[in-house]
Amino acid sequence: MAVEVGEFTLKKVAIITVILAVLTFGALNYHFILMDSSIKLLKKTDLTYENTFVDARGAKKYKVYLNPALAKAGIKDLFEDESIKIGK
């Protein structure tokens, strides 16, 4: 009986470890940017935890443009996709 409990616990630990590894990989490789209407993902250029979650709602967008890590990753292109264009 003790063997079955041990195996079940080991499976739980293995599953939790895999989930944590995937979350860590995502945090190291992507910027999660909260926009006015959605959340955007932007691939990082370096493996760091800095600027993983960025708030870019409303008037805070100018601060995001000035962030060197986000500028290097291509935040300008991401904002151009979000912009509203009015044609004649």
PDB file of N, CA and C in Angstrom:
ATOM      1  N   MET A   1       0.814  -1.195   0.000  1.00  0.00           N
ATOM      2  CA  MET A   1       0.000   0.000   0.000  1.00  0.00           C
ATOM      3  C   MET A   1       0.860   1.262   0.000  1.00  0.00           C
ATOM      4  N   ALA A   2       1.957   1.253   0.703  1.00  0.00           N
ATOM      5  CA  ALA A   2       2.832   2.428   0.772  1.00  0.00           C
ATOM      6  C   ALA A   2       3.474   2.719  -0.575  1.00  0.00           C
ATOM      7  N   VAL A   3       3.709   1.684  -1.368  1.00  0.00           N
ATOM      8  CA  VAL A   3       4.318   1.867  -2.680  1.00  0.00           C
ATOM      9  C   VAL A   3       3.370   2.630  -3.599  1.00  0.00           C
ATOM     10  N   GLU A   4       2.092   2.303  -3.549  1.00  0.00           N
ATOM     11  CA  GLU A   4       1.118   2.985  -4.392  1.00  0.00           C
ATOM     12  C   GLU A   4       1.018   4.458  -4.035  1.00  0.00           C
ATOM     13  N   VAL A   5       1.011   4.775  -2.752  1.00  0.00           N
ATOM     14  CA  VAL A   5       0.951   6.170  -2.329  1.00  0.00           C
ATOM     15  C   VAL A   5       2.199   6.906  -2.788  1.00  0.00           C
ATOM     16  N   GLY A   6       3.366   6.253  -2.683  1.00  0.00           N
ATOM     17  CA  GLY A   6       4.619   6.863  -3.120  1.00  0.00           C
ATOM     18  C   GLY A   6       4.642   7.128  -4.613  1.00  0.00           C
ATOM     19  N   GLU A   7       4.130   6.206  -5.394  1.00  0.00           N
ATOM     20  CA  GLU A   7       4.091   6.385  -6.842  1.00  0.00           C
ATOM     21  C   GLU A   7       3.156   7.524  -7.226  1.00  0.00           C
ATOM     22  N   PHE A   8       2.021   7.591  -6.551  1.00  0.00           N
ATOM     23  CA  PHE A   8       1.072   8.662  -6.830  1.00  0.00           C
ATOM     24  C   PHE A   8       1.667  10.017  -6.489  1.00  0.00           C
ATOM     25  N   THR A   9       2.367  10.122  -5.379  1.00  0.00           N
ATOM     26  CA  THR A   9       3.008  11.367  -4.984  1.00  0.00           C
ATOM     27  C   THR A   9       4.125  11.728  -5.959  1.00  0.00           C
ATOM     28  N   LEU A  10       4.875  10.747  -6.401  1.00  0.00           N
ATOM     29  CA  LEU A  10       5.952  10.991  -7.356  1.00  0.00           C
ATOM     30  C   LEU A  10       5.395  11.503  -8.682  1.00  0.00           C
ATOM     31  N   LYS A  11       4.269  10.988  -9.109  1.00  0.00           N
ATOM     32  CA  LYS A  11       3.639  11.471 -10.346  1.00  0.00           C
ATOM     33  C   LYS A  11       3.196  12.916 -10.190  1.00  0.00           C
ATOM     34  N   LYS A  12       2.639  13.259  -9.037  1.00  0.00           N
ATOM     35  CA  LYS A  12       2.232  14.645  -8.786  1.00  0.00           C
ATOM     36  C   LYS A  12       3.430  15.579  -8.835  1.00  0.00           C
ATOM     37  N   VAL A  13       4.509  15.183  -8.196  1.00  0.00           N
ATOM     38  CA  VAL A  13       5.721  16.008  -8.177  1.00  0.00           C
ATOM     39  C   VAL A  13       6.266  16.183  -9.588  1.00  0.00           C
ATOM     40  N   ALA A  14       6.265  15.124 -10.375  1.00  0.00           N
ATOM     41  CA  ALA A  14       6.763  15.206 -11.752  1.00  0.00           C
ATOM     42  C   ALA A  14       5.903  16.136 -12.595  1.00  0.00           C
ATOM     43  N   ILE A  15       4.593  16.045 -12.454  1.00  0.00           N
ATOM     44  CA  ILE A  15       3.686  16.910 -13.222  1.00  0.00           C
ATOM     45  C   ILE A  15       3.865  18.369 -12.812  1.00  0.00           C
ATOM     46  N   ILE A  16       3.950  18.634 -11.520  1.00  0.00           N
ATOM     47  CA  ILE A  16       4.147  20.013 -11.033  1.00  0.00           C
ATOM     48  C   ILE A  16       5.482  20.563 -11.514  1.00  0.00           C
ATOM     49  N   THR A  17       6.523  19.733 -11.525  1.00  0.00           N
ATOM     50  CA  THR A  17       7.834  20.164 -12.002  1.00  0.00           C
ATOM     51  C   THR A  17       7.788  20.548 -13.476  1.00  0.00           C
ATOM     52  N   VAL A  18       7.109  19.768 -14.280  1.00  0.00           N
ATOM     53  CA  VAL A  18       6.997  20.070 -15.713  1.00  0.00           C
ATOM     54  C   VAL A  18       6.223  21.369 -15.919  1.00  0.00           C
ATOM     55  N   ILE A  19       5.137  21.566 -15.182  1.00  0.00           N
ATOM     56  CA  ILE A  19       4.347  22.798 -15.303  1.00  0.00           C
ATOM     57  C   ILE A  19       5.177  24.014 -14.909  1.00  0.00           C
ATOM     58  N   LEU A  20       5.931  23.908 -13.822  1.00  0.00           N
ATOM     59  CA  LEU A  20       6.791  25.020 -13.402  1.00  0.00           C
ATOM     60  C   LEU A  20       7.889  25.311 -14.422  1.00  0.00           C
ATOM     61  N   ALA A  21       8.420  24.268 -15.037  1.00  0.00           N
ATOM     62  CA  ALA A  21       9.451  24.464 -16.064  1.00  0.00           C
ATOM     63  C   ALA A  21       8.889  25.204 -17.271  1.00  0.00           C
ATOM     64  N   VAL A  22       7.677  24.868 -17.677  1.00  0.00           N
ATOM     65  CA  VAL A  22       7.034  25.539 -18.820  1.00  0.00           C
ATOM     66  C   VAL A  22       6.754  27.008 -18.486  1.00  0.00           C
ATOM     67  N   LEU A  23       6.260  27.281 -17.292  1.00  0.00           N
ATOM     68  CA  LEU A  23       5.995  28.670 -16.881  1.00  0.00           C
ATOM     69  C   LEU A  23       7.285  29.480 -16.803  1.00  0.00           C
ATOM     70  N   THR A  24       8.343  28.882 -16.295  1.00  0.00           N
ATOM     71  CA  THR A  24       9.632  29.572 -16.226  1.00  0.00           C
ATOM     72  C   THR A  24      10.163  29.857 -17.624  1.00  0.00           C
ATOM     73  N   PHE A  25      10.040  28.895 -18.518  1.00  0.00           N
ATOM     74  CA  PHE A  25      10.477  29.089 -19.902  1.00  0.00           C
ATOM     75  C   PHE A  25       9.711  30.243 -20.550  1.00  0.00           C
ATOM     76  N   GLY A  26       8.402  30.293 -20.318  1.00  0.00           N
ATOM     77  CA  GLY A  26       7.595  31.386 -20.869  1.00  0.00           C
ATOM     78  C   GLY A  26       7.984  32.726 -20.294  1.00  0.00           C
ATOM     79  N   ALA A  27       8.251  32.783 -18.999  1.00  0.00           N
ATOM     80  CA  ALA A  27       8.629  34.044 -18.364  1.00  0.00           C
ATOM     81  C   ALA A  27       9.995  34.525 -18.837  1.00  0.00           C
ATOM     82  N   LEU A  28      10.884  33.615 -19.152  1.00  0.00           N
ATOM     83  CA  LEU A  28      12.213  33.998 -19.625  1.00  0.00           C
ATOM     84  C   LEU A  28      12.221  34.415 -21.091  1.00  0.00           C
ATOM     85  N   ASN A  29      11.284  33.934 -21.882  1.00  0.00           N
ATOM     86  CA  ASN A  29      11.342  34.141 -23.324  1.00  0.00           C
ATOM     87  C   ASN A  29      10.323  35.114 -23.904  1.00  0.00           C
ATOM     88  N   TYR A  30       9.341  35.534 -23.124  1.00  0.00           N
ATOM     89  CA  TYR A  30       8.291  36.385 -23.685  1.00  0.00           C
ATOM     90  C   TYR A  30       7.959  37.560 -22.777  1.00  0.00           C
ATOM     91  N   HIS A  31       7.628  38.694 -23.400  1.00  0.00           N
ATOM     92  CA  HIS A  31       7.038  39.841 -22.706  1.00  0.00           C
ATOM     93  C   HIS A  31       5.525  39.665 -22.809  1.00  0.00           C
ATOM     94  N   PHE A  32       4.818  39.750 -21.689  1.00  0.00           N
ATOM     95  CA  PHE A  32       3.362  39.721 -21.675  1.00  0.00           C
ATOM     96  C   PHE A  32       2.913  41.165 -21.498  1.00  0.00           C
ATOM     97  N   ILE A  33       2.344  41.769 -22.551  1.00  0.00           N
ATOM     98  CA  ILE A  33       2.032  43.193 -22.557  1.00  0.00           C
ATOM     99  C   ILE A  33       0.525  43.375 -22.490  1.00  0.00           C
ATOM    100  N   LEU A  34       0.068  44.034 -21.441  1.00  0.00           N
ATOM    101  CA  LEU A  34      -1.354  44.308 -21.245  1.00  0.00           C
ATOM    102  C   LEU A  34      -1.710  45.575 -22.008  1.00  0.00           C
ATOM    103  N   MET A  35      -2.492  45.424 -23.075  1.00  0.00           N
ATOM    104  CA  MET A  35      -2.926  46.550 -23.899  1.00  0.00           C
ATOM    105  C   MET A  35      -4.316  46.977 -23.449  1.00  0.00           C
ATOM    106  N   ASP A  36      -4.878  47.999 -24.085  1.00  0.00           N
ATOM    107  CA  ASP A  36      -6.213  48.474 -23.734  1.00  0.00           C
ATOM    108  C   ASP A  36      -7.281  47.415 -23.968  1.00  0.00           C
ATOM    109  N   SER A  37      -7.140  46.646 -25.039  1.00  0.00           N
ATOM    110  CA  SER A  37      -8.195  45.698 -25.387  1.00  0.00           C
ATOM    111  C   SER A  37      -7.776  44.236 -25.341  1.00  0.00           C
ATOM    112  N   SER A  38      -6.486  43.958 -25.121  1.00  0.00           N
ATOM    113  CA  SER A  38      -6.030  42.574 -25.152  1.00  0.00           C
ATOM    114  C   SER A  38      -4.673  42.435 -24.469  1.00  0.00           C
ATOM    115  N   ILE A  39      -4.183  41.212 -24.451  1.00  0.00           N
ATOM    116  CA  ILE A  39      -2.831  40.932 -23.966  1.00  0.00           C
ATOM    117  C   ILE A  39      -2.013  40.460 -25.158  1.00  0.00           C
ATOM    118  N   LYS A  40      -0.861  41.058 -25.357  1.00  0.00           N
ATOM    119  CA  LYS A  40       0.015  40.709 -26.479  1.00  0.00           C
ATOM    120  C   LYS A  40       1.254  40.004 -25.959  1.00  0.00           C
ATOM    121  N   LEU A  41       1.791  39.102 -26.763  1.00  0.00           N
ATOM    122  CA  LEU A  41       3.050  38.431 -26.463  1.00  0.00           C
ATOM    123  C   LEU A  41       4.109  38.938 -27.422  1.00  0.00           C
ATOM    124  N   LEU A  42       5.281  39.234 -26.867  1.00  0.00           N
ATOM    125  CA  LEU A  42       6.399  39.707 -27.675  1.00  0.00           C
ATOM    126  C   LEU A  42       7.629  38.916 -27.268  1.00  0.00           C
ATOM    127  N   LYS A  43       8.295  38.297 -28.224  1.00  0.00           N
ATOM    128  CA  LYS A  43       9.470  37.474 -27.922  1.00  0.00           C
ATOM    129  C   LYS A  43      10.608  38.353 -27.424  1.00  0.00           C
ATOM    130  N   LYS A  44      11.232  37.937 -26.317  1.00  0.00           N
ATOM    131  CA  LYS A  44      12.362  38.678 -25.744  1.00  0.00           C
ATOM    132  C   LYS A  44      13.621  38.423 -26.563  1.00  0.00           C
ATOM    133  N   THR A  45      14.526  39.381 -26.516  1.00  0.00           N
ATOM    134  CA  THR A  45      15.805  39.201 -27.186  1.00  0.00           C
ATOM    135  C   THR A  45      16.833  38.570 -26.252  1.00  0.00           C
ATOM    136  N   ASP A  46      16.649  38.716 -24.935  1.00  0.00           N
ATOM    137  CA  ASP A  46      17.549  38.138 -23.939  1.00  0.00           C
ATOM    138  C   ASP A  46      16.746  37.310 -22.945  1.00  0.00           C
ATOM    139  N   LEU A  47      17.376  36.327 -22.337  1.00  0.00           N
ATOM    140  CA  LEU A  47      16.714  35.504 -21.330  1.00  0.00           C
ATOM    141  C   LEU A  47      16.817  36.186 -19.961  1.00  0.00           C
ATOM    142  N   THR A  48      15.783  36.936 -19.601  1.00  0.00           N
ATOM    143  CA  THR A  48      15.741  37.610 -18.301  1.00  0.00           C
ATOM    144  C   THR A  48      14.310  37.594 -17.778  1.00  0.00           C
ATOM    145  N   TYR A  49      14.183  37.883 -16.488  1.00  0.00           N
ATOM    146  CA  TYR A  49      12.859  38.034 -15.894  1.00  0.00           C
ATOM    147  C   TYR A  49      12.389  39.483 -15.948  1.00  0.00           C
ATOM    148  N   GLU A  50      13.247  40.403 -16.348  1.00  0.00           N
ATOM    149  CA  GLU A  50      12.889  41.818 -16.391  1.00  0.00           C
ATOM    150  C   GLU A  50      11.856  42.077 -17.484  1.00  0.00           C
ATOM    151  N   ASN A  51      10.905  42.935 -17.180  1.00  0.00           N
ATOM    152  CA  ASN A  51       9.856  43.339 -18.125  1.00  0.00           C
ATOM    153  C   ASN A  51       9.050  42.163 -18.651  1.00  0.00           C
ATOM    154  N   THR A  52       8.828  41.175 -17.813  1.00  0.00           N
ATOM    155  CA  THR A  52       8.029  40.034 -18.237  1.00  0.00           C
ATOM    156  C   THR A  52       6.567  40.439 -18.350  1.00  0.00           C
ATOM    157  N   PHE A  53       6.058  41.152 -17.350  1.00  0.00           N
ATOM    158  CA  PHE A  53       4.682  41.639 -17.376  1.00  0.00           C
ATOM    159  C   PHE A  53       4.714  43.152 -17.462  1.00  0.00           C
ATOM    160  N   VAL A  54       4.162  43.713 -18.548  1.00  0.00           N
ATOM    161  CA  VAL A  54       4.224  45.146 -18.807  1.00  0.00           C
ATOM    162  C   VAL A  54       2.807  45.689 -18.974  1.00  0.00           C
ATOM    163  N   ASP A  55       2.516  46.784 -18.285  1.00  0.00           N
ATOM    164  CA  ASP A  55       1.211  47.442 -18.397  1.00  0.00           C
ATOM    165  C   ASP A  55       1.338  48.578 -19.413  1.00  0.00           C
ATOM    166  N   ALA A  56       0.662  48.453 -20.547  1.00  0.00           N
ATOM    167  CA  ALA A  56       0.748  49.468 -21.608  1.00  0.00           C
ATOM    168  C   ALA A  56      -0.628  50.044 -21.904  1.00  0.00           C
ATOM    169  N   ARG A  57      -1.450  50.175 -20.879  1.00  0.00           N
ATOM    170  CA  ARG A  57      -2.788  50.728 -21.080  1.00  0.00           C
ATOM    171  C   ARG A  57      -2.738  52.249 -21.010  1.00  0.00           C
ATOM    172  N   GLY A  58      -3.574  52.877 -21.805  1.00  0.00           N
ATOM    173  CA  GLY A  58      -3.764  54.324 -21.747  1.00  0.00           C
ATOM    174  C   GLY A  58      -2.508  55.117 -22.056  1.00  0.00           C
ATOM    175  N   ALA A  59      -2.218  56.092 -21.204  1.00  0.00           N
ATOM    176  CA  ALA A  59      -1.123  57.032 -21.435  1.00  0.00           C
ATOM    177  C   ALA A  59       0.243  56.457 -21.094  1.00  0.00           C
ATOM    178  N   LYS A  60       0.315  55.230 -20.639  1.00  0.00           N
ATOM    179  CA  LYS A  60       1.596  54.620 -20.269  1.00  0.00           C
ATOM    180  C   LYS A  60       2.377  54.121 -21.476  1.00  0.00           C
ATOM    181  N   LYS A  61       1.823  54.251 -22.668  1.00  0.00           N
ATOM    182  CA  LYS A  61       2.475  53.709 -23.858  1.00  0.00           C
ATOM    183  C   LYS A  61       3.802  54.400 -24.152  1.00  0.00           C
ATOM    184  N   TYR A  62       3.916  55.674 -23.836  1.00  0.00           N
ATOM    185  CA  TYR A  62       5.175  56.368 -24.107  1.00  0.00           C
ATOM    186  C   TYR A  62       6.301  55.792 -23.253  1.00  0.00           C
ATOM    187  N   LYS A  63       6.011  55.331 -22.042  1.00  0.00           N
ATOM    188  CA  LYS A  63       7.029  54.717 -21.199  1.00  0.00           C
ATOM    189  C   LYS A  63       7.500  53.391 -21.795  1.00  0.00           C
ATOM    190  N   VAL A  64       6.586  52.680 -22.420  1.00  0.00           N
ATOM    191  CA  VAL A  64       6.923  51.400 -23.035  1.00  0.00           C
ATOM    192  C   VAL A  64       7.829  51.625 -24.242  1.00  0.00           C
ATOM    193  N   TYR A  65       7.563  52.665 -25.020  1.00  0.00           N
ATOM    194  CA  TYR A  65       8.419  52.998 -26.164  1.00  0.00           C
ATOM    195  C   TYR A  65       9.847  53.309 -25.728  1.00  0.00           C
ATOM    196  N   LEU A  66      10.009  53.905 -24.558  1.00  0.00           N
ATOM    197  CA  LEU A  66      11.324  54.311 -24.082  1.00  0.00           C
ATOM    198  C   LEU A  66      12.101  53.184 -23.405  1.00  0.00           C
ATOM    199  N   ASN A  67      11.495  52.048 -23.198  1.00  0.00           N
ATOM    200  CA  ASN A  67      12.168  50.918 -22.565  1.00  0.00           C
ATOM    201  C   ASN A  67      13.088  50.247 -23.585  1.00  0.00           C
ATOM    202  N   PRO A  68      14.400  50.224 -23.337  1.00  0.00           N
ATOM    203  CA  PRO A  68      15.334  49.673 -24.330  1.00  0.00           C
ATOM    204  C   PRO A  68      15.114  48.196 -24.659  1.00  0.00           C
ATOM    205  N   ALA A  69      14.785  47.394 -23.655  1.00  0.00           N
ATOM    206  CA  ALA A  69      14.590  45.959 -23.908  1.00  0.00           C
ATOM    207  C   ALA A  69      13.373  45.719 -24.792  1.00  0.00           C
ATOM    208  N   LEU A  70      12.309  46.480 -24.555  1.00  0.00           N
ATOM    209  CA  LEU A  70      11.105  46.319 -25.377  1.00  0.00           C
ATOM    210  C   LEU A  70      11.306  46.891 -26.777  1.00  0.00           C
ATOM    211  N   ALA A  71      12.051  47.984 -26.879  1.00  0.00           N
ATOM    212  CA  ALA A  71      12.327  48.557 -28.197  1.00  0.00           C
ATOM    213  C   ALA A  71      13.145  47.586 -29.048  1.00  0.00           C
ATOM    214  N   LYS A  72      14.109  46.935 -28.422  1.00  0.00           N
ATOM    215  CA  LYS A  72      14.941  45.965 -29.133  1.00  0.00           C
ATOM    216  C   LYS A  72      14.114  44.752 -29.580  1.00  0.00           C
ATOM    217  N   ALA A  73      13.106  44.392 -28.783  1.00  0.00           N
ATOM    218  CA  ALA A  73      12.255  43.242 -29.119  1.00  0.00           C
ATOM    219  C   ALA A  73      11.222  43.574 -30.193  1.00  0.00           C
ATOM    220  N   GLY A  74      10.970  44.875 -30.455  1.00  0.00           N
ATOM    221  CA  GLY A  74      10.054  45.254 -31.528  1.00  0.00           C
ATOM    222  C   GLY A  74       8.701  45.737 -31.066  1.00  0.00           C
ATOM    223  N   ILE A  75       8.654  46.470 -29.971  1.00  0.00           N
ATOM    224  CA  ILE A  75       7.381  46.964 -29.447  1.00  0.00           C
ATOM    225  C   ILE A  75       6.720  47.956 -30.405  1.00  0.00           C
ATOM    226  N   LYS A  76       7.516  48.678 -31.172  1.00  0.00           N
ATOM    227  CA  LYS A  76       6.957  49.660 -32.107  1.00  0.00           C
ATOM    228  C   LYS A  76       6.043  48.977 -33.125  1.00  0.00           C
ATOM    229  N   ASP A  77       6.472  47.856 -33.653  1.00  0.00           N
ATOM    230  CA  ASP A  77       5.660  47.112 -34.620  1.00  0.00           C
ATOM    231  C   ASP A  77       4.373  46.604 -33.984  1.00  0.00           C
ATOM    232  N   LEU A  78       4.455  46.233 -32.721  1.00  0.00           N
ATOM    233  CA  LEU A  78       3.273  45.733 -32.018  1.00  0.00           C
ATOM    234  C   LEU A  78       2.240  46.835 -31.847  1.00  0.00           C
ATOM    235  N   PHE A  79       2.684  48.049 -31.521  1.00  0.00           N
ATOM    236  CA  PHE A  79       1.761  49.164 -31.366  1.00  0.00           C
ATOM    237  C   PHE A  79       1.186  49.623 -32.698  1.00  0.00           C
ATOM    238  N   GLU A  80       1.945  49.507 -33.775  1.00  0.00           N
ATOM    239  CA  GLU A  80       1.424  49.885 -35.090  1.00  0.00           C
ATOM    240  C   GLU A  80       0.279  48.964 -35.494  1.00  0.00           C
ATOM    241  N   ASP A  81       0.346  47.708 -35.087  1.00  0.00           N
ATOM    242  CA  ASP A  81      -0.744  46.774 -35.369  1.00  0.00           C
ATOM    243  C   ASP A  81      -1.998  47.132 -34.584  1.00  0.00           C
ATOM    244  N   GLU A  82      -1.845  47.750 -33.400  1.00  0.00           N
ATOM    245  CA  GLU A  82      -2.969  48.112 -32.538  1.00  0.00           C
ATOM    246  C   GLU A  82      -3.599  49.453 -32.918  1.00  0.00           C
ATOM    247  N   SER A  83      -2.898  50.248 -33.708  1.00  0.00           N
ATOM    248  CA  SER A  83      -3.374  51.607 -33.972  1.00  0.00           C
ATOM    249  C   SER A  83      -4.615  51.613 -34.864  1.00  0.00           C
ATOM    250  N   ILE A  84      -5.362  52.680 -34.741  1.00  0.00           N
ATOM    251  CA  ILE A  84      -6.567  52.878 -35.549  1.00  0.00           C
ATOM    252  C   ILE A  84      -6.204  53.781 -36.716  1.00  0.00           C
ATOM    253  N   LYS A  85      -6.537  53.368 -37.913  1.00  0.00           N
ATOM    254  CA  LYS A  85      -6.233  54.157 -39.102  1.00  0.00           C
ATOM    255  C   LYS A  85      -7.534  54.643 -39.715  1.00  0.00           C
ATOM    256  N   ILE A  86      -7.599  55.919 -39.974  1.00  0.00           N
ATOM    257  CA  ILE A  86      -8.796  56.521 -40.583  1.00  0.00           C
ATOM    258  C   ILE A  86      -8.438  56.915 -42.012  1.00  0.00           C
ATOM    259  N   GLY A  87      -9.134  56.341 -42.942  1.00  0.00           N
ATOM    260  CA  GLY A  87      -8.857  56.640 -44.348  1.00  0.00           C
ATOM    261  C   GLY A  87      -9.791  57.711 -44.877  1.00  0.00           C
ATOM    262  N   LYS A  88      -9.443  58.261 -46.049  1.00  0.00           N
ATOM    263  CA  LYS A  88     -10.276  59.301 -46.668  1.00  0.00           C
ATOM    264  C   LYS A  88     -11.377  58.686 -47.476  1.00  0.00           C
TER     265      LYS A  88
END
